[in-house]
Amino acid sequence: MTTVNQDTMGWDFGYFLMTDDPDDHSTHTVKITNTSHEAQDVYVGAHVWDSRGYSWYNDDCNSVTGWSNQHYLKGNGQQLAINSNYPDKWLEKKMLQVGESIEVEVEFNWVTGATRDWSVTAWGTEGTI
């Protein structure tokens, strides 16, 4: 697999962060709006704790790593799986006109012992988001 990082110099960053999600099974909708004075490409991603944040050699942590802790990022006609082995996913970029908004949905299925922190981040290439 090849990974290429974008040069985000000059881009604007916005985020929503939830710590200690109270529900075992939860769905949240996050709205992203182009508040810039021009149309721009927007990149949206969702994030949970990486498996490296848990002890691999501690049996108490085995239930929170791997595929058993499945979550989803939905938007732009895509549904992407997230878990502690693949803790962040990015939707295809979306061109937003001035004042235009998109909504993305994140769905979580927390297992016992998992850290219930998550975020949705958005990058605007031309201005505020």
C-alpha atoms as a PDB file:
ATOM      1  CA  MET A   1       0.000   0.000   0.000  1.00  0.00           C
ATOM      2  CA  THR A   2       1.287   3.448  -0.902  1.00  0.00           C
ATOM      3  CA  THR A   3       0.448   6.469   1.240  1.00  0.00           C
ATOM      4  CA  VAL A   4       0.851  10.066   0.106  1.00  0.00           C
ATOM      5  CA  ASN A   5       0.392  12.979   2.488  1.00  0.00           C
ATOM      6  CA  GLN A   6      -1.012  16.291   1.280  1.00  0.00           C
ATOM      7  CA  ASP A   7       0.926  19.504   1.856  1.00  0.00           C
ATOM      8  CA  THR A   8      -1.511  21.313   4.150  1.00  0.00           C
ATOM      9  CA  MET A   9       0.474  24.555   4.348  1.00  0.00           C
ATOM     10  CA  GLY A  10      -2.078  27.353   4.007  1.00  0.00           C
ATOM     11  CA  TRP A  11      -5.090  25.067   4.486  1.00  0.00           C
ATOM     12  CA  ASP A  12      -7.665  25.644   7.227  1.00  0.00           C
ATOM     13  CA  PHE A  13      -8.433  22.956   9.814  1.00  0.00           C
ATOM     14  CA  GLY A  14     -11.638  22.291  11.734  1.00  0.00           C
ATOM     15  CA  TYR A  15     -12.649  19.426  13.976  1.00  0.00           C
ATOM     16  CA  PHE A  16     -15.215  17.921  16.324  1.00  0.00           C
ATOM     17  CA  LEU A  17     -13.850  15.873  19.238  1.00  0.00           C
ATOM     18  CA  MET A  18     -15.853  13.667  21.579  1.00  0.00           C
ATOM     19  CA  THR A  19     -14.262  12.096  24.620  1.00  0.00           C
ATOM     20  CA  ASP A  20     -15.930   9.295  26.566  1.00  0.00           C
ATOM     21  CA  ASP A  21     -18.794   8.610  24.127  1.00  0.00           C
ATOM     22  CA  PRO A  22     -21.489   7.491  26.604  1.00  0.00           C
ATOM     23  CA  ASP A  23     -23.281   4.956  24.385  1.00  0.00           C
ATOM     24  CA  ASP A  24     -22.216   1.386  23.509  1.00  0.00           C
ATOM     25  CA  HIS A  25     -23.707   1.845  20.041  1.00  0.00           C
ATOM     26  CA  SER A  26     -23.919   5.417  18.815  1.00  0.00           C
ATOM     27  CA  THR A  27     -24.442   7.336  15.608  1.00  0.00           C
ATOM     28  CA  HIS A  28     -23.503  10.998  15.236  1.00  0.00           C
ATOM     29  CA  THR A  29     -23.963  13.454  12.380  1.00  0.00           C
ATOM     30  CA  VAL A  30     -21.329  16.161  11.887  1.00  0.00           C
ATOM     31  CA  LYS A  31     -21.977  19.137   9.598  1.00  0.00           C
ATOM     32  CA  ILE A  32     -19.097  20.764   7.721  1.00  0.00           C
ATOM     33  CA  THR A  33     -19.662  24.192   6.142  1.00  0.00           C
ATOM     34  CA  ASN A  34     -17.470  26.152   3.750  1.00  0.00           C
ATOM     35  CA  THR A  35     -17.258  29.546   5.489  1.00  0.00           C
ATOM     36  CA  SER A  36     -14.538  30.750   3.126  1.00  0.00           C
ATOM     37  CA  HIS A  37     -15.098  33.497   0.549  1.00  0.00           C
ATOM     38  CA  GLU A  38     -14.450  31.083  -2.324  1.00  0.00           C
ATOM     39  CA  ALA A  39     -15.255  27.530  -3.385  1.00  0.00           C
ATOM     40  CA  GLN A  40     -12.768  24.979  -2.115  1.00  0.00           C
ATOM     41  CA  ASP A  41     -11.924  21.304  -1.887  1.00  0.00           C
ATOM     42  CA  VAL A  42     -12.668  19.827   1.521  1.00  0.00           C
ATOM     43  CA  TYR A  43     -11.123  16.664   2.970  1.00  0.00           C
ATOM     44  CA  VAL A  44     -13.052  14.952   5.807  1.00  0.00           C
ATOM     45  CA  GLY A  45     -11.773  12.153   8.029  1.00  0.00           C
ATOM     46  CA  ALA A  46     -12.781  10.257  11.181  1.00  0.00           C
ATOM     47  CA  HIS A  47     -10.406   9.000  13.851  1.00  0.00           C
ATOM     48  CA  VAL A  48     -10.295   6.639  16.861  1.00  0.00           C
ATOM     49  CA  TRP A  49      -7.415   5.420  19.051  1.00  0.00           C
ATOM     50  CA  ASP A  50      -4.797   3.358  17.255  1.00  0.00           C
ATOM     51  CA  SER A  51      -4.114  -0.193  18.492  1.00  0.00           C
ATOM     52  CA  ARG A  52      -0.570   0.980  19.327  1.00  0.00           C
ATOM     53  CA  GLY A  53      -2.193   2.930  22.166  1.00  0.00           C
ATOM     54  CA  TYR A  54      -3.129  -0.342  23.879  1.00  0.00           C
ATOM     55  CA  SER A  55      -0.771  -2.954  25.292  1.00  0.00           C
ATOM     56  CA  TRP A  56      -0.417  -5.818  22.808  1.00  0.00           C
ATOM     57  CA  TYR A  57       1.075  -8.088  25.461  1.00  0.00           C
ATOM     58  CA  ASN A  58      -1.670  -7.596  28.041  1.00  0.00           C
ATOM     59  CA  ASP A  59      -4.609 -10.018  27.778  1.00  0.00           C
ATOM     60  CA  ASP A  60      -6.934  -7.365  29.243  1.00  0.00           C
ATOM     61  CA  CYS A  61      -6.405  -5.265  26.102  1.00  0.00           C
ATOM     62  CA  ASN A  62      -7.005  -7.969  23.477  1.00  0.00           C
ATOM     63  CA  SER A  63     -10.749  -7.285  23.266  1.00  0.00           C
ATOM     64  CA  VAL A  64     -10.252  -3.656  22.226  1.00  0.00           C
ATOM     65  CA  THR A  65      -7.801  -4.206  19.388  1.00  0.00           C
ATOM     66  CA  GLY A  66      -8.528  -5.700  16.000  1.00  0.00           C
ATOM     67  CA  TRP A  67     -11.681  -6.103  13.996  1.00  0.00           C
ATOM     68  CA  SER A  68     -14.094  -6.696  16.881  1.00  0.00           C
ATOM     69  CA  ASN A  69     -14.343  -2.961  17.490  1.00  0.00           C
ATOM     70  CA  GLN A  70     -15.872  -1.870  14.157  1.00  0.00           C
ATOM     71  CA  HIS A  71     -16.933   1.697  13.369  1.00  0.00           C
ATOM     72  CA  TYR A  72     -17.973   3.525  10.189  1.00  0.00           C
ATOM     73  CA  LEU A  73     -17.551   6.883   8.470  1.00  0.00           C
ATOM     74  CA  LYS A  74     -20.338   7.599   5.982  1.00  0.00           C
ATOM     75  CA  GLY A  75     -20.587  10.449   3.501  1.00  0.00           C
ATOM     76  CA  ASN A  76     -20.139  11.415  -0.163  1.00  0.00           C
ATOM     77  CA  GLY A  77     -21.741   8.076  -1.083  1.00  0.00           C
ATOM     78  CA  GLN A  78     -19.013   6.172   0.759  1.00  0.00           C
ATOM     79  CA  GLN A  79     -19.038   3.929   3.829  1.00  0.00           C
ATOM     80  CA  LEU A  80     -15.591   3.303   5.299  1.00  0.00           C
ATOM     81  CA  ALA A  81     -14.759   0.911   8.160  1.00  0.00           C
ATOM     82  CA  ILE A  82     -12.629   2.160  11.055  1.00  0.00           C
ATOM     83  CA  ASN A  83     -11.110   0.140  13.906  1.00  0.00           C
ATOM     84  CA  SER A  84      -8.038   0.201  16.132  1.00  0.00           C
ATOM     85  CA  ASN A  85      -5.910  -1.385  13.383  1.00  0.00           C
ATOM     86  CA  TYR A  86      -7.064   1.230  10.829  1.00  0.00           C
ATOM     87  CA  PRO A  87      -7.922   4.133  13.148  1.00  0.00           C
ATOM     88  CA  ASP A  88      -8.515   6.858  10.592  1.00  0.00           C
ATOM     89  CA  LYS A  89     -10.285   6.989   7.260  1.00  0.00           C
ATOM     90  CA  TRP A  90     -10.728   9.803   4.787  1.00  0.00           C
ATOM     91  CA  LEU A  91     -13.586  10.400   2.382  1.00  0.00           C
ATOM     92  CA  GLU A  92     -12.833  11.428  -1.184  1.00  0.00           C
ATOM     93  CA  LYS A  93     -12.356  15.194  -1.407  1.00  0.00           C
ATOM     94  CA  LYS A  94     -15.502  17.229  -2.009  1.00  0.00           C
ATOM     95  CA  MET A  95     -15.767  20.634  -3.706  1.00  0.00           C
ATOM     96  CA  LEU A  96     -17.923  22.935  -1.580  1.00  0.00           C
ATOM     97  CA  GLN A  97     -19.276  26.223  -2.852  1.00  0.00           C
ATOM     98  CA  VAL A  98     -19.316  29.291  -0.583  1.00  0.00           C
ATOM     99  CA  GLY A  99     -21.780  28.632   2.265  1.00  0.00           C
ATOM    100  CA  GLU A 100     -22.399  25.037   1.168  1.00  0.00           C
ATOM    101  CA  SER A 101     -22.487  22.303   3.821  1.00  0.00           C
ATOM    102  CA  ILE A 102     -22.142  18.548   3.853  1.00  0.00           C
ATOM    103  CA  GLU A 103     -23.077  16.141   6.598  1.00  0.00           C
ATOM    104  CA  VAL A 104     -21.119  13.036   7.476  1.00  0.00           C
ATOM    105  CA  GLU A 105     -22.243  10.288   9.785  1.00  0.00           C
ATOM    106  CA  VAL A 106     -20.054   8.321  12.158  1.00  0.00           C
ATOM    107  CA  GLU A 107     -21.284   5.102  13.712  1.00  0.00           C
ATOM    108  CA  PHE A 108     -19.583   3.447  16.672  1.00  0.00           C
ATOM    109  CA  ASN A 109     -19.838  -0.027  18.152  1.00  0.00           C
ATOM    110  CA  TRP A 110     -17.716   0.182  21.294  1.00  0.00           C
ATOM    111  CA  VAL A 111     -16.486  -2.939  23.065  1.00  0.00           C
ATOM    112  CA  THR A 112     -15.790  -3.174  26.766  1.00  0.00           C
ATOM    113  CA  GLY A 113     -12.519  -1.534  27.663  1.00  0.00           C
ATOM    114  CA  ALA A 114     -12.125   0.542  24.512  1.00  0.00           C
ATOM    115  CA  THR A 115     -11.287   4.210  24.894  1.00  0.00           C
ATOM    116  CA  ARG A 116     -14.431   5.915  23.588  1.00  0.00           C
ATOM    117  CA  ASP A 117     -12.783   8.996  22.128  1.00  0.00           C
ATOM    118  CA  TRP A 118     -13.269   9.948  18.492  1.00  0.00           C
ATOM    119  CA  SER A 119     -13.046  12.920  16.178  1.00  0.00           C
ATOM    120  CA  VAL A 120     -14.094  14.141  12.767  1.00  0.00           C
ATOM    121  CA  THR A 121     -11.660  16.500  11.083  1.00  0.00           C
ATOM    122  CA  ALA A 122     -12.014  18.665   7.991  1.00  0.00           C
ATOM    123  CA  TRP A 123      -9.414  20.481   5.931  1.00  0.00           C
ATOM    124  CA  GLY A 124     -10.299  23.319   3.550  1.00  0.00           C
ATOM    125  CA  THR A 125      -7.761  24.054   0.805  1.00  0.00           C
ATOM    126  CA  GLU A 126      -8.600  27.727   0.243  1.00  0.00           C
ATOM    127  CA  GLY A 127      -9.961  29.168   3.487  1.00  0.00           C
ATOM    128  CA  THR A 128     -12.028  28.681   6.592  1.00  0.00           C
ATOM    129  CA  ILE A 129     -14.130  25.612   7.141  1.00  0.00           C
END
